[in-house]
């Protein structure tokens, strides 16, 4: 079976770049479509919402500067090109992780291409030298009609990878255990991890909440709940 190429498409790899201070890396951009495209590359701010969904931030981190080369280029059908990303400190150095985004946006090539635009982003994490501070804390536990939500705060200066487990106990016996997948919490940000309320469990309980960061216990608290 022959599969036709899409009328317009854009891919980029890797999806994430990690740089140490003043450094450089390349993003391989490819056009697997059957139309020639022009690609604009631009730096932007990056953030995660409370549920961990990525989005373009309204402001950029001013502690680092990202220089992209080239900023605009044309890709023929099946063509590939490299966008070089160079990082450097800007202003007073603030140790830790600083995040940005390389936004790649297409436009018609002017040679009869279709008027369709695509946009994708590559996350850039720049770690500036200095003391690394880990300060991941559990701020609270909220009970809803269908979910239990744990709120986390990252008061440190590096990206943390948090996992949460909640043991629901009654009379010293564990009657249910809830576990999350790993979630990134950016420096200075908050995050919420939600769990579906277990069915047919009601009454007064103790919830033992444990937060793990990269395998180590970062926080542990006990809450009294009524489901």
N, C-alpha and C. Protein backbone atom coordinates (compact mmCIF):
# COMPACT_ATOMS: atom_id res chain seq x y z
N UNK A 1 0.85 -1.19 0.00
CA UNK A 1 0.00 0.00 0.00
C UNK A 1 0.88 1.24 0.00
N UNK A 2 0.57 2.19 -0.85
CA UNK A 2 1.33 3.45 -0.94
C UNK A 2 0.60 4.52 -0.14
N UNK A 3 1.32 5.13 0.79
CA UNK A 3 0.74 6.19 1.61
C UNK A 3 1.27 7.52 1.11
N UNK A 4 0.37 8.40 0.70
CA UNK A 4 0.79 9.70 0.18
C UNK A 4 1.28 10.59 1.30
N UNK A 5 2.25 11.43 0.99
CA UNK A 5 2.73 12.39 1.98
C UNK A 5 1.65 13.44 2.25
N UNK A 6 1.57 13.96 3.49
CA UNK A 6 0.57 14.98 3.78
C UNK A 6 0.87 16.26 3.01
N UNK A 7 -0.18 17.11 2.79
CA UNK A 7 0.05 18.35 2.04
C UNK A 7 1.02 19.29 2.73
N UNK A 8 1.05 19.28 4.05
CA UNK A 8 2.02 20.09 4.78
C UNK A 8 2.27 19.44 6.13
N UNK A 9 3.54 19.40 6.53
CA UNK A 9 3.90 18.79 7.81
C UNK A 9 5.25 19.32 8.24
N UNK A 10 5.55 19.16 9.52
CA UNK A 10 6.82 19.63 10.08
C UNK A 10 7.15 18.77 11.28
N UNK A 11 8.40 18.32 11.37
CA UNK A 11 8.86 17.58 12.53
C UNK A 11 10.15 18.20 13.03
N UNK A 12 10.42 17.98 14.32
CA UNK A 12 11.65 18.50 14.93
C UNK A 12 12.14 17.51 15.97
N UNK A 13 13.45 17.32 16.02
CA UNK A 13 14.05 16.42 17.00
C UNK A 13 15.42 16.98 17.42
N UNK A 14 15.73 16.88 18.71
CA UNK A 14 14.92 16.32 19.78
C UNK A 14 13.80 17.27 20.21
N UNK A 15 12.87 16.75 21.03
CA UNK A 15 11.78 17.59 21.53
C UNK A 15 12.21 18.43 22.73
N UNK A 16 13.40 18.13 23.28
CA UNK A 16 13.89 18.84 24.45
C UNK A 16 15.41 18.90 24.38
N UNK A 17 15.95 20.08 24.72
CA UNK A 17 17.39 20.29 24.73
C UNK A 17 17.80 20.74 26.13
N UNK A 18 18.87 20.18 26.65
CA UNK A 18 19.41 20.60 27.94
C UNK A 18 20.83 21.11 27.73
N UNK A 19 21.08 22.35 28.14
CA UNK A 19 22.37 23.00 27.94
C UNK A 19 22.94 23.42 29.29
N UNK A 20 24.25 23.41 29.40
CA UNK A 20 24.94 23.84 30.62
C UNK A 20 25.60 25.18 30.37
N UNK A 21 25.02 26.25 30.95
CA UNK A 21 25.61 27.58 30.80
C UNK A 21 25.65 28.04 29.36
N UNK A 22 26.81 28.51 28.94
CA UNK A 22 27.01 28.93 27.56
C UNK A 22 27.33 27.69 26.73
N UNK A 23 26.40 27.26 25.92
CA UNK A 23 26.56 26.03 25.16
C UNK A 23 25.72 26.12 23.89
N UNK A 24 25.83 25.09 23.08
CA UNK A 24 25.10 25.08 21.80
C UNK A 24 24.65 23.68 21.48
N UNK A 25 23.48 23.59 20.83
CA UNK A 25 22.96 22.31 20.35
C UNK A 25 22.19 22.58 19.07
N UNK A 26 21.81 21.51 18.39
CA UNK A 26 21.11 21.64 17.11
C UNK A 26 19.78 20.92 17.16
N UNK A 27 18.79 21.49 16.48
CA UNK A 27 17.49 20.87 16.29
C UNK A 27 17.39 20.47 14.82
N UNK A 28 17.12 19.21 14.55
CA UNK A 28 16.96 18.75 13.18
C UNK A 28 15.47 18.92 12.79
N UNK A 29 15.24 19.77 11.80
CA UNK A 29 13.89 20.08 11.35
C UNK A 29 13.68 19.43 9.99
N UNK A 30 12.55 18.75 9.82
CA UNK A 30 12.29 18.02 8.58
C UNK A 30 10.91 18.37 8.03
N UNK A 31 10.82 18.31 6.72
CA UNK A 31 9.56 18.55 6.02
C UNK A 31 9.16 17.27 5.29
N UNK A 32 8.33 16.41 5.93
CA UNK A 32 7.93 15.16 5.26
C UNK A 32 6.75 15.32 4.32
N UNK A 33 6.33 16.57 4.07
CA UNK A 33 5.15 16.79 3.24
C UNK A 33 5.54 16.87 1.76
N UNK A 34 4.53 17.09 0.92
CA UNK A 34 4.76 17.20 -0.52
C UNK A 34 4.77 18.65 -1.00
N UNK A 35 4.79 19.61 -0.05
CA UNK A 35 4.83 21.02 -0.40
C UNK A 35 6.07 21.67 0.21
N UNK A 36 6.68 22.59 -0.53
CA UNK A 36 7.79 23.36 0.03
C UNK A 36 7.24 24.33 1.08
N UNK A 37 7.99 24.55 2.16
CA UNK A 37 7.56 25.43 3.23
C UNK A 37 8.71 26.33 3.66
N UNK A 38 8.34 27.46 4.21
CA UNK A 38 9.28 28.35 4.87
C UNK A 38 9.05 28.22 6.37
N UNK A 39 10.13 28.10 7.14
CA UNK A 39 10.03 27.92 8.59
C UNK A 39 10.65 29.13 9.28
N UNK A 40 9.91 29.70 10.21
CA UNK A 40 10.42 30.76 11.08
C UNK A 40 10.75 30.15 12.44
N UNK A 41 11.93 30.45 12.96
CA UNK A 41 12.35 29.99 14.29
C UNK A 41 12.46 31.20 15.21
N UNK A 42 11.85 31.11 16.39
CA UNK A 42 11.87 32.24 17.32
C UNK A 42 11.90 31.71 18.76
N UNK A 43 12.62 32.40 19.66
CA UNK A 43 12.59 32.02 21.08
C UNK A 43 11.32 32.53 21.74
N UNK A 44 10.88 31.82 22.77
CA UNK A 44 9.69 32.21 23.51
C UNK A 44 9.80 31.71 24.94
N UNK A 45 8.90 32.17 25.80
CA UNK A 45 8.86 31.67 27.17
C UNK A 45 8.12 30.35 27.24
N UNK A 46 8.41 29.59 28.28
CA UNK A 46 7.80 28.26 28.45
C UNK A 46 7.30 28.12 29.88
N UNK A 47 6.13 27.47 30.02
CA UNK A 47 5.58 27.23 31.35
C UNK A 47 4.68 26.00 31.30
N UNK A 48 4.38 25.48 32.47
CA UNK A 48 3.39 24.40 32.64
C UNK A 48 2.25 24.94 33.47
N UNK A 49 1.01 24.57 33.13
CA UNK A 49 -0.10 24.98 33.99
C UNK A 49 -0.16 24.05 35.20
N UNK A 50 -1.13 24.26 36.06
CA UNK A 50 -1.20 23.49 37.30
C UNK A 50 -1.32 21.99 37.05
N UNK A 51 -1.92 21.61 35.93
CA UNK A 51 -2.10 20.19 35.62
C UNK A 51 -0.94 19.62 34.81
N UNK A 52 0.09 20.44 34.54
CA UNK A 52 1.26 19.95 33.82
C UNK A 52 1.19 20.09 32.33
N UNK A 53 0.18 20.82 31.81
CA UNK A 53 0.08 21.01 30.37
C UNK A 53 1.00 22.15 29.94
N UNK A 54 1.83 21.93 28.89
CA UNK A 54 2.78 22.98 28.47
C UNK A 54 2.08 24.08 27.68
N UNK A 55 2.61 25.29 27.78
CA UNK A 55 2.10 26.39 26.98
C UNK A 55 3.18 27.45 26.85
N UNK A 56 2.99 28.33 25.87
CA UNK A 56 3.91 29.45 25.67
C UNK A 56 3.63 30.50 26.73
N UNK A 57 4.65 30.88 27.48
CA UNK A 57 4.49 31.88 28.55
C UNK A 57 4.47 33.27 27.95
N UNK A 58 3.79 34.18 28.63
CA UNK A 58 3.71 35.56 28.14
C UNK A 58 5.06 36.26 28.20
N UNK A 59 5.90 35.91 29.16
CA UNK A 59 7.22 36.52 29.28
C UNK A 59 8.31 35.47 29.22
N UNK A 60 9.51 35.90 28.86
CA UNK A 60 10.65 34.98 28.78
C UNK A 60 11.53 35.14 30.01
N UNK A 61 12.26 34.08 30.32
CA UNK A 61 13.24 34.12 31.40
C UNK A 61 14.40 34.99 30.95
N UNK A 62 14.61 36.11 31.63
CA UNK A 62 15.64 37.07 31.21
C UNK A 62 17.03 36.74 31.73
N UNK A 63 17.17 35.62 32.46
CA UNK A 63 18.48 35.25 32.98
C UNK A 63 19.35 34.58 31.93
N UNK A 64 18.72 34.10 30.84
CA UNK A 64 19.48 33.47 29.77
C UNK A 64 19.04 34.06 28.43
N UNK A 65 19.95 33.99 27.48
CA UNK A 65 19.67 34.47 26.13
C UNK A 65 19.83 33.31 25.17
N UNK A 66 18.85 33.14 24.30
CA UNK A 66 18.91 32.10 23.28
C UNK A 66 19.07 32.75 21.91
N UNK A 67 20.09 32.33 21.20
CA UNK A 67 20.34 32.82 19.85
C UNK A 67 20.12 31.65 18.89
N UNK A 68 19.28 31.87 17.88
CA UNK A 68 18.92 30.83 16.92
C UNK A 68 19.51 31.17 15.55
N UNK A 69 20.06 30.15 14.90
CA UNK A 69 20.60 30.32 13.56
C UNK A 69 20.26 29.08 12.73
N UNK A 70 19.61 29.25 11.59
CA UNK A 70 19.02 30.48 11.04
C UNK A 70 17.66 30.76 11.68
N UNK A 71 17.18 31.96 11.51
CA UNK A 71 15.86 32.34 12.02
C UNK A 71 14.76 32.07 10.99
N UNK A 72 15.12 31.98 9.72
CA UNK A 72 14.15 31.65 8.68
C UNK A 72 14.86 30.85 7.60
N UNK A 73 14.18 29.80 7.11
CA UNK A 73 14.78 28.97 6.06
C UNK A 73 13.65 28.26 5.31
N UNK A 74 13.99 27.81 4.13
CA UNK A 74 13.01 27.11 3.29
C UNK A 74 13.38 25.64 3.21
N UNK A 75 12.35 24.79 3.27
CA UNK A 75 12.54 23.35 3.16
C UNK A 75 11.75 22.83 1.97
N UNK A 76 12.41 22.19 1.03
CA UNK A 76 11.68 21.55 -0.07
C UNK A 76 10.97 20.30 0.44
N UNK A 77 10.09 19.71 -0.34
CA UNK A 77 9.48 18.44 0.08
C UNK A 77 10.54 17.40 0.43
N UNK A 78 10.45 16.82 1.61
CA UNK A 78 11.42 15.84 2.07
C UNK A 78 12.72 16.43 2.57
N UNK A 79 12.82 17.76 2.63
CA UNK A 79 14.06 18.40 3.03
C UNK A 79 14.26 18.44 4.53
N UNK A 80 15.53 18.59 4.96
CA UNK A 80 15.89 18.70 6.36
C UNK A 80 16.87 19.86 6.52
N UNK A 81 16.89 20.43 7.73
CA UNK A 81 17.83 21.50 8.06
C UNK A 81 18.04 21.51 9.56
N UNK A 82 19.16 22.07 9.99
CA UNK A 82 19.47 22.19 11.41
C UNK A 82 19.29 23.64 11.85
N UNK A 83 18.61 23.80 13.00
CA UNK A 83 18.54 25.10 13.66
C UNK A 83 19.47 25.02 14.86
N UNK A 84 20.49 25.87 14.90
CA UNK A 84 21.46 25.87 15.99
C UNK A 84 20.97 26.79 17.11
N UNK A 85 20.98 26.26 18.33
CA UNK A 85 20.51 27.00 19.50
C UNK A 85 21.72 27.24 20.41
N UNK A 86 22.05 28.50 20.64
CA UNK A 86 23.16 28.86 21.52
C UNK A 86 22.63 29.60 22.73
N UNK A 87 23.07 29.19 23.91
CA UNK A 87 22.62 29.81 25.16
C UNK A 87 23.77 30.58 25.80
N UNK A 88 23.43 31.64 26.51
CA UNK A 88 24.44 32.39 27.27
C UNK A 88 23.73 33.10 28.41
N UNK A 89 24.41 33.26 29.57
CA UNK A 89 23.81 34.01 30.68
C UNK A 89 23.58 35.46 30.28
N UNK A 90 22.52 36.04 30.84
CA UNK A 90 22.20 37.44 30.58
C UNK A 90 21.94 38.14 31.91
N UNK A 91 22.76 39.14 32.21
CA UNK A 91 22.59 39.84 33.48
C UNK A 91 23.18 39.04 34.62
N UNK A 92 22.81 39.36 35.87
CA UNK A 92 23.32 38.62 37.03
C UNK A 92 22.96 37.15 36.93
N UNK A 93 23.92 36.28 37.21
CA UNK A 93 23.69 34.85 37.09
C UNK A 93 22.85 34.36 38.27
N UNK A 94 21.74 33.72 37.93
CA UNK A 94 20.89 33.06 38.92
C UNK A 94 21.07 31.56 38.73
N UNK A 95 21.74 30.88 39.68
CA UNK A 95 22.01 29.45 39.50
C UNK A 95 20.72 28.66 39.31
N UNK A 96 20.87 27.52 38.66
CA UNK A 96 19.73 26.61 38.50
C UNK A 96 19.24 26.52 37.08
N UNK A 97 18.03 25.98 36.93
CA UNK A 97 17.45 25.73 35.61
C UNK A 97 16.63 26.92 35.14
N UNK A 98 16.83 27.26 33.88
CA UNK A 98 16.08 28.34 33.23
C UNK A 98 15.51 27.78 31.94
N UNK A 99 14.20 28.00 31.73
CA UNK A 99 13.53 27.34 30.63
C UNK A 99 13.08 28.32 29.57
N UNK A 100 13.17 27.85 28.35
CA UNK A 100 12.69 28.61 27.21
C UNK A 100 12.13 27.66 26.18
N UNK A 101 11.70 28.22 25.08
CA UNK A 101 11.07 27.45 24.02
C UNK A 101 11.57 27.96 22.67
N UNK A 102 11.87 27.04 21.77
CA UNK A 102 12.12 27.40 20.38
C UNK A 102 10.84 27.08 19.61
N UNK A 103 10.19 28.11 19.09
CA UNK A 103 8.95 27.94 18.35
C UNK A 103 9.28 27.90 16.86
N UNK A 104 8.85 26.84 16.21
CA UNK A 104 9.04 26.66 14.76
C UNK A 104 7.68 26.78 14.10
N UNK A 105 7.53 27.77 13.22
CA UNK A 105 6.24 28.04 12.57
C UNK A 105 6.43 28.04 11.06
N UNK A 106 5.50 27.40 10.37
CA UNK A 106 5.58 27.32 8.91
C UNK A 106 4.77 28.43 8.27
N UNK A 107 5.14 28.72 7.02
CA UNK A 107 4.37 29.61 6.18
C UNK A 107 4.53 29.12 4.74
N UNK A 108 3.59 29.46 3.84
CA UNK A 108 3.76 29.04 2.45
C UNK A 108 5.06 29.57 1.87
N UNK A 109 5.68 28.80 0.98
CA UNK A 109 6.98 29.16 0.44
C UNK A 109 6.92 30.27 -0.60
N UNK A 110 5.73 30.57 -1.11
CA UNK A 110 5.61 31.55 -2.18
C UNK A 110 5.75 30.92 -3.55
N UNK A 111 5.90 29.57 -3.58
CA UNK A 111 6.03 28.86 -4.87
C UNK A 111 4.82 27.94 -5.08
N UNK A 112 3.66 28.46 -4.73
CA UNK A 112 2.45 27.67 -4.93
C UNK A 112 2.10 26.79 -3.76
N UNK A 113 2.72 26.97 -2.60
CA UNK A 113 2.42 26.17 -1.42
C UNK A 113 1.03 26.49 -0.90
N UNK A 114 0.45 25.54 -0.16
CA UNK A 114 -0.88 25.76 0.40
C UNK A 114 -0.78 26.71 1.58
N UNK A 115 -1.86 27.46 1.81
CA UNK A 115 -1.87 28.47 2.87
C UNK A 115 -2.27 27.84 4.20
N UNK A 116 -1.45 26.90 4.67
CA UNK A 116 -1.68 26.23 5.95
C UNK A 116 -0.48 26.50 6.83
N UNK A 117 -0.73 26.84 8.09
CA UNK A 117 0.38 27.11 9.01
C UNK A 117 0.41 26.04 10.09
N UNK A 118 1.60 25.66 10.49
CA UNK A 118 1.80 24.75 11.61
C UNK A 118 2.77 25.41 12.58
N UNK A 119 2.65 25.02 13.84
CA UNK A 119 3.57 25.54 14.85
C UNK A 119 3.86 24.45 15.86
N UNK A 120 5.13 24.28 16.18
CA UNK A 120 5.52 23.33 17.23
C UNK A 120 6.67 23.93 18.02
N UNK A 121 6.89 23.38 19.21
CA UNK A 121 7.90 23.94 20.10
C UNK A 121 8.88 22.89 20.59
N UNK A 122 10.11 23.32 20.78
CA UNK A 122 11.16 22.49 21.38
C UNK A 122 11.58 23.15 22.69
N UNK A 123 11.48 22.42 23.79
CA UNK A 123 11.81 22.96 25.12
C UNK A 123 13.33 23.03 25.27
N UNK A 124 13.80 24.14 25.82
CA UNK A 124 15.22 24.33 26.09
C UNK A 124 15.40 24.59 27.58
N UNK A 125 16.20 23.75 28.25
CA UNK A 125 16.52 23.91 29.66
C UNK A 125 17.99 24.29 29.77
N UNK A 126 18.26 25.45 30.32
CA UNK A 126 19.64 25.91 30.50
C UNK A 126 19.95 25.93 31.99
N UNK A 127 20.96 25.19 32.40
CA UNK A 127 21.36 25.18 33.81
C UNK A 127 22.57 26.09 33.99
N UNK A 128 22.38 27.13 34.79
CA UNK A 128 23.48 28.04 35.08
C UNK A 128 24.23 27.56 36.32
N UNK A 129 25.54 27.78 36.38
CA UNK A 129 26.35 27.24 37.48
C UNK A 129 26.03 27.91 38.81
N UNK A 130 26.24 27.15 39.87
CA UNK A 130 26.00 27.64 41.21
C UNK A 130 25.38 26.55 42.07
N UNK A 131 24.95 26.93 43.25
CA UNK A 131 24.39 25.98 44.21
C UNK A 131 23.01 25.53 43.74
N UNK A 132 22.82 24.22 43.64
CA UNK A 132 21.52 23.64 43.28
C UNK A 132 20.68 23.50 44.54
N UNK A 133 19.45 24.01 44.49
CA UNK A 133 18.55 23.97 45.65
C UNK A 133 17.33 23.11 45.31
N UNK A 134 17.12 22.03 46.07
CA UNK A 134 15.92 21.19 45.96
C UNK A 134 14.98 21.57 47.11
N UNK A 135 13.78 22.05 46.76
CA UNK A 135 12.84 22.45 47.81
C UNK A 135 11.42 22.17 47.34
N UNK A 136 11.11 20.89 47.22
CA UNK A 136 9.79 20.46 46.78
C UNK A 136 8.93 20.21 48.02
N UNK A 137 7.78 20.87 48.11
CA UNK A 137 6.95 20.74 49.30
C UNK A 137 5.51 20.43 48.94
N UNK A 138 4.84 19.76 49.84
CA UNK A 138 3.43 19.42 49.71
C UNK A 138 2.61 20.48 50.42
N UNK A 139 1.77 21.20 49.67
CA UNK A 139 1.05 22.33 50.25
C UNK A 139 -0.32 21.94 50.81
N UNK A 140 -0.93 20.92 50.27
CA UNK A 140 -2.25 20.56 50.80
C UNK A 140 -2.90 19.45 50.01
N UNK A 141 -4.06 19.02 50.53
CA UNK A 141 -4.84 17.95 49.92
C UNK A 141 -6.29 18.41 49.89
N UNK A 142 -6.91 18.33 48.72
CA UNK A 142 -8.29 18.79 48.57
C UNK A 142 -9.16 17.64 48.10
N UNK A 143 -10.34 17.52 48.71
CA UNK A 143 -11.26 16.45 48.39
C UNK A 143 -12.41 17.02 47.57
N UNK A 144 -12.61 16.49 46.37
CA UNK A 144 -13.74 16.87 45.54
C UNK A 144 -14.74 15.75 45.43
N UNK A 145 -15.78 15.97 44.64
CA UNK A 145 -16.83 14.94 44.50
C UNK A 145 -16.30 13.66 43.86
N UNK A 146 -15.38 13.83 42.91
CA UNK A 146 -14.90 12.65 42.19
C UNK A 146 -13.39 12.49 42.24
N UNK A 147 -12.67 13.45 42.88
CA UNK A 147 -11.21 13.39 42.83
C UNK A 147 -10.60 13.86 44.15
N UNK A 148 -9.37 13.42 44.36
CA UNK A 148 -8.52 13.91 45.45
C UNK A 148 -7.34 14.60 44.79
N UNK A 149 -7.09 15.85 45.15
CA UNK A 149 -6.04 16.63 44.48
C UNK A 149 -4.98 17.05 45.49
N UNK A 150 -3.73 16.76 45.16
CA UNK A 150 -2.60 17.15 45.99
C UNK A 150 -1.90 18.33 45.32
N UNK A 151 -1.57 19.35 46.12
CA UNK A 151 -0.92 20.56 45.61
C UNK A 151 0.55 20.57 46.03
N UNK A 152 1.43 20.80 45.04
CA UNK A 152 2.87 20.83 45.28
C UNK A 152 3.43 22.20 44.94
N UNK A 153 4.55 22.52 45.57
CA UNK A 153 5.25 23.77 45.28
C UNK A 153 6.74 23.48 45.18
N UNK A 154 7.36 24.07 44.15
CA UNK A 154 8.80 23.92 43.97
C UNK A 154 9.47 25.24 44.31
N UNK A 155 10.00 25.33 45.52
CA UNK A 155 10.70 26.53 45.97
C UNK A 155 12.17 26.50 45.67
N UNK A 156 12.63 25.48 44.94
CA UNK A 156 14.04 25.38 44.59
C UNK A 156 14.34 26.05 43.26
N UNK A 157 15.52 25.75 42.72
CA UNK A 157 15.93 26.42 41.49
C UNK A 157 16.19 25.46 40.33
N UNK A 158 15.70 24.21 40.45
CA UNK A 158 15.85 23.24 39.36
C UNK A 158 14.52 22.55 39.10
N UNK A 159 14.39 21.98 37.91
CA UNK A 159 13.20 21.22 37.57
C UNK A 159 13.15 19.95 38.40
N UNK A 160 12.00 19.69 39.02
CA UNK A 160 11.85 18.49 39.83
C UNK A 160 10.87 17.53 39.15
N UNK A 161 11.06 16.23 39.43
CA UNK A 161 10.21 15.19 38.86
C UNK A 161 9.51 14.48 40.03
N UNK A 162 8.28 14.86 40.26
CA UNK A 162 7.57 14.43 41.46
C UNK A 162 6.62 13.27 41.17
N UNK A 163 6.59 12.34 42.10
CA UNK A 163 5.59 11.28 42.14
C UNK A 163 4.92 11.33 43.51
N UNK A 164 3.64 11.07 43.55
CA UNK A 164 2.91 11.10 44.81
C UNK A 164 2.21 9.76 45.03
N UNK A 165 2.28 9.27 46.27
CA UNK A 165 1.46 8.12 46.67
C UNK A 165 0.62 8.53 47.88
N UNK A 166 -0.62 8.08 47.89
CA UNK A 166 -1.54 8.37 48.99
C UNK A 166 -2.06 7.06 49.53
N UNK A 167 -1.78 6.78 50.80
CA UNK A 167 -2.34 5.61 51.47
C UNK A 167 -3.53 6.05 52.31
N UNK A 168 -4.68 5.48 52.04
CA UNK A 168 -5.88 5.76 52.83
C UNK A 168 -5.98 4.68 53.90
N UNK A 169 -5.98 5.12 55.16
CA UNK A 169 -5.94 4.18 56.27
C UNK A 169 -7.14 4.38 57.21
N UNK A 170 -7.59 3.27 57.76
CA UNK A 170 -8.63 3.31 58.79
C UNK A 170 -8.25 2.29 59.86
N UNK A 171 -8.22 2.77 61.10
CA UNK A 171 -7.88 1.92 62.24
C UNK A 171 -6.52 1.24 62.03
N UNK A 172 -5.56 1.99 61.44
CA UNK A 172 -4.22 1.48 61.25
C UNK A 172 -4.06 0.54 60.08
N UNK A 173 -5.12 0.32 59.31
CA UNK A 173 -5.06 -0.61 58.18
C UNK A 173 -5.20 0.17 56.87
N UNK A 174 -4.34 -0.13 55.89
CA UNK A 174 -4.42 0.52 54.59
C UNK A 174 -5.54 -0.12 53.78
N UNK A 175 -6.50 0.72 53.37
CA UNK A 175 -7.64 0.19 52.60
C UNK A 175 -7.57 0.58 51.12
N UNK A 176 -6.71 1.51 50.77
CA UNK A 176 -6.52 1.87 49.36
C UNK A 176 -5.22 2.65 49.21
N UNK A 177 -4.55 2.48 48.07
CA UNK A 177 -3.33 3.21 47.77
C UNK A 177 -3.45 3.83 46.39
N UNK A 178 -3.21 5.12 46.31
CA UNK A 178 -3.27 5.86 45.05
C UNK A 178 -1.86 6.28 44.67
N UNK A 179 -1.51 6.12 43.41
CA UNK A 179 -0.16 6.49 42.95
C UNK A 179 -0.25 7.28 41.66
N UNK A 180 0.61 8.29 41.54
CA UNK A 180 0.64 9.11 40.34
C UNK A 180 1.82 8.71 39.47
N UNK A 181 1.77 9.13 38.21
CA UNK A 181 2.94 9.05 37.36
C UNK A 181 3.82 10.27 37.67
N UNK A 182 5.03 10.30 37.10
CA UNK A 182 5.95 11.41 37.37
C UNK A 182 5.45 12.69 36.71
N UNK A 183 5.58 13.80 37.42
CA UNK A 183 5.20 15.11 36.91
C UNK A 183 6.33 16.09 37.10
N UNK A 184 6.61 16.88 36.07
CA UNK A 184 7.61 17.94 36.21
C UNK A 184 7.00 19.14 36.92
N UNK A 185 7.75 19.67 37.88
CA UNK A 185 7.39 20.91 38.55
C UNK A 185 8.54 21.88 38.32
N UNK A 186 8.27 22.98 37.63
CA UNK A 186 9.32 23.91 37.26
C UNK A 186 9.74 24.76 38.45
N UNK A 187 10.95 25.32 38.42
CA UNK A 187 11.41 26.15 39.54
C UNK A 187 10.45 27.32 39.80
N UNK A 188 10.11 27.51 41.08
CA UNK A 188 9.23 28.60 41.46
C UNK A 188 7.78 28.41 41.10
N UNK A 189 7.40 27.21 40.66
CA UNK A 189 6.03 26.97 40.19
C UNK A 189 5.30 26.02 41.12
N UNK A 190 3.99 25.93 40.89
CA UNK A 190 3.14 25.00 41.63
C UNK A 190 2.57 23.98 40.66
N UNK A 191 2.12 22.88 41.21
CA UNK A 191 1.48 21.85 40.39
C UNK A 191 0.43 21.12 41.19
N UNK A 192 -0.57 20.59 40.50
CA UNK A 192 -1.64 19.83 41.14
C UNK A 192 -1.70 18.45 40.49
N UNK A 193 -1.67 17.42 41.32
CA UNK A 193 -1.82 16.05 40.86
C UNK A 193 -3.14 15.51 41.39
N UNK A 194 -4.00 15.10 40.48
CA UNK A 194 -5.35 14.67 40.85
C UNK A 194 -5.47 13.15 40.74
N UNK A 195 -6.21 12.57 41.68
CA UNK A 195 -6.48 11.14 41.72
C UNK A 195 -7.99 10.93 41.73
N UNK A 196 -8.46 9.91 41.05
CA UNK A 196 -9.87 9.56 41.11
C UNK A 196 -10.20 8.99 42.48
N UNK A 197 -11.28 9.48 43.08
CA UNK A 197 -11.68 8.96 44.39
C UNK A 197 -12.03 7.48 44.28
N UNK A 198 -11.47 6.67 45.18
CA UNK A 198 -11.80 5.24 45.12
C UNK A 198 -13.27 5.02 45.44
N UNK A 199 -13.93 4.15 44.71
CA UNK A 199 -15.36 3.90 44.97
C UNK A 199 -15.58 3.12 46.26
N UNK A 200 -16.75 3.31 46.82
CA UNK A 200 -17.23 2.53 47.98
C UNK A 200 -16.34 2.68 49.21
N UNK A 201 -15.61 3.79 49.30
CA UNK A 201 -14.84 4.08 50.51
C UNK A 201 -15.38 5.38 51.08
N UNK A 202 -15.92 5.31 52.28
CA UNK A 202 -16.54 6.49 52.89
C UNK A 202 -16.15 6.55 54.37
N UNK A 203 -16.47 7.72 54.95
CA UNK A 203 -16.23 7.90 56.37
C UNK A 203 -14.92 8.60 56.66
N UNK A 204 -14.53 8.54 57.93
CA UNK A 204 -13.31 9.21 58.37
C UNK A 204 -12.08 8.34 58.09
N UNK A 205 -11.04 8.98 57.56
CA UNK A 205 -9.83 8.26 57.19
C UNK A 205 -8.62 9.10 57.51
N UNK A 206 -7.47 8.43 57.51
CA UNK A 206 -6.18 9.12 57.54
C UNK A 206 -5.52 8.89 56.19
N UNK A 207 -5.01 9.98 55.61
CA UNK A 207 -4.31 9.90 54.33
C UNK A 207 -2.84 10.17 54.57
N UNK A 208 -1.99 9.18 54.29
CA UNK A 208 -0.55 9.34 54.40
C UNK A 208 -0.03 9.66 53.00
N UNK A 209 0.42 10.89 52.82
CA UNK A 209 0.84 11.37 51.49
C UNK A 209 2.36 11.45 51.46
N UNK A 210 2.94 10.80 50.47
CA UNK A 210 4.39 10.78 50.32
C UNK A 210 4.76 11.31 48.94
N UNK A 211 5.66 12.28 48.91
CA UNK A 211 6.14 12.87 47.66
C UNK A 211 7.56 12.39 47.43
N UNK A 212 7.79 11.81 46.26
CA UNK A 212 9.13 11.37 45.89
C UNK A 212 9.63 12.19 44.72
N UNK A 213 10.89 12.55 44.79
CA UNK A 213 11.54 13.31 43.73
C UNK A 213 12.78 12.56 43.29
N UNK A 214 12.76 12.08 42.04
CA UNK A 214 13.87 11.30 41.50
C UNK A 214 14.22 10.11 42.39
N UNK A 215 13.18 9.49 42.94
CA UNK A 215 13.36 8.29 43.74
C UNK A 215 13.53 8.51 45.23
N UNK A 216 13.86 9.73 45.65
CA UNK A 216 14.06 10.02 47.08
C UNK A 216 12.82 10.69 47.65
N UNK A 217 12.56 10.46 48.94
CA UNK A 217 11.41 11.07 49.60
C UNK A 217 11.70 12.55 49.81
N UNK A 218 10.81 13.40 49.27
CA UNK A 218 10.98 14.85 49.39
C UNK A 218 10.06 15.44 50.46
N UNK A 219 8.90 14.80 50.68
CA UNK A 219 7.96 15.32 51.68
C UNK A 219 7.01 14.19 52.09
N UNK A 220 6.53 14.29 53.34
CA UNK A 220 5.57 13.29 53.84
C UNK A 220 4.68 13.96 54.87
N UNK A 221 3.37 13.86 54.67
CA UNK A 221 2.43 14.46 55.60
C UNK A 221 1.23 13.53 55.79
N UNK A 222 0.57 13.70 56.92
CA UNK A 222 -0.62 12.91 57.24
C UNK A 222 -1.80 13.86 57.36
N UNK A 223 -2.89 13.54 56.67
CA UNK A 223 -4.10 14.34 56.69
C UNK A 223 -5.25 13.51 57.23
N UNK A 224 -6.18 14.17 57.92
CA UNK A 224 -7.43 13.52 58.32
C UNK A 224 -8.49 13.92 57.30
N UNK A 225 -9.15 12.90 56.72
CA UNK A 225 -10.13 13.13 55.67
C UNK A 225 -11.48 12.55 56.07
N UNK A 226 -12.49 13.06 55.40
CA UNK A 226 -13.82 12.45 55.48
C UNK A 226 -14.36 12.34 54.05
N UNK A 227 -14.48 11.12 53.56
CA UNK A 227 -14.97 10.90 52.20
C UNK A 227 -16.47 10.60 52.22
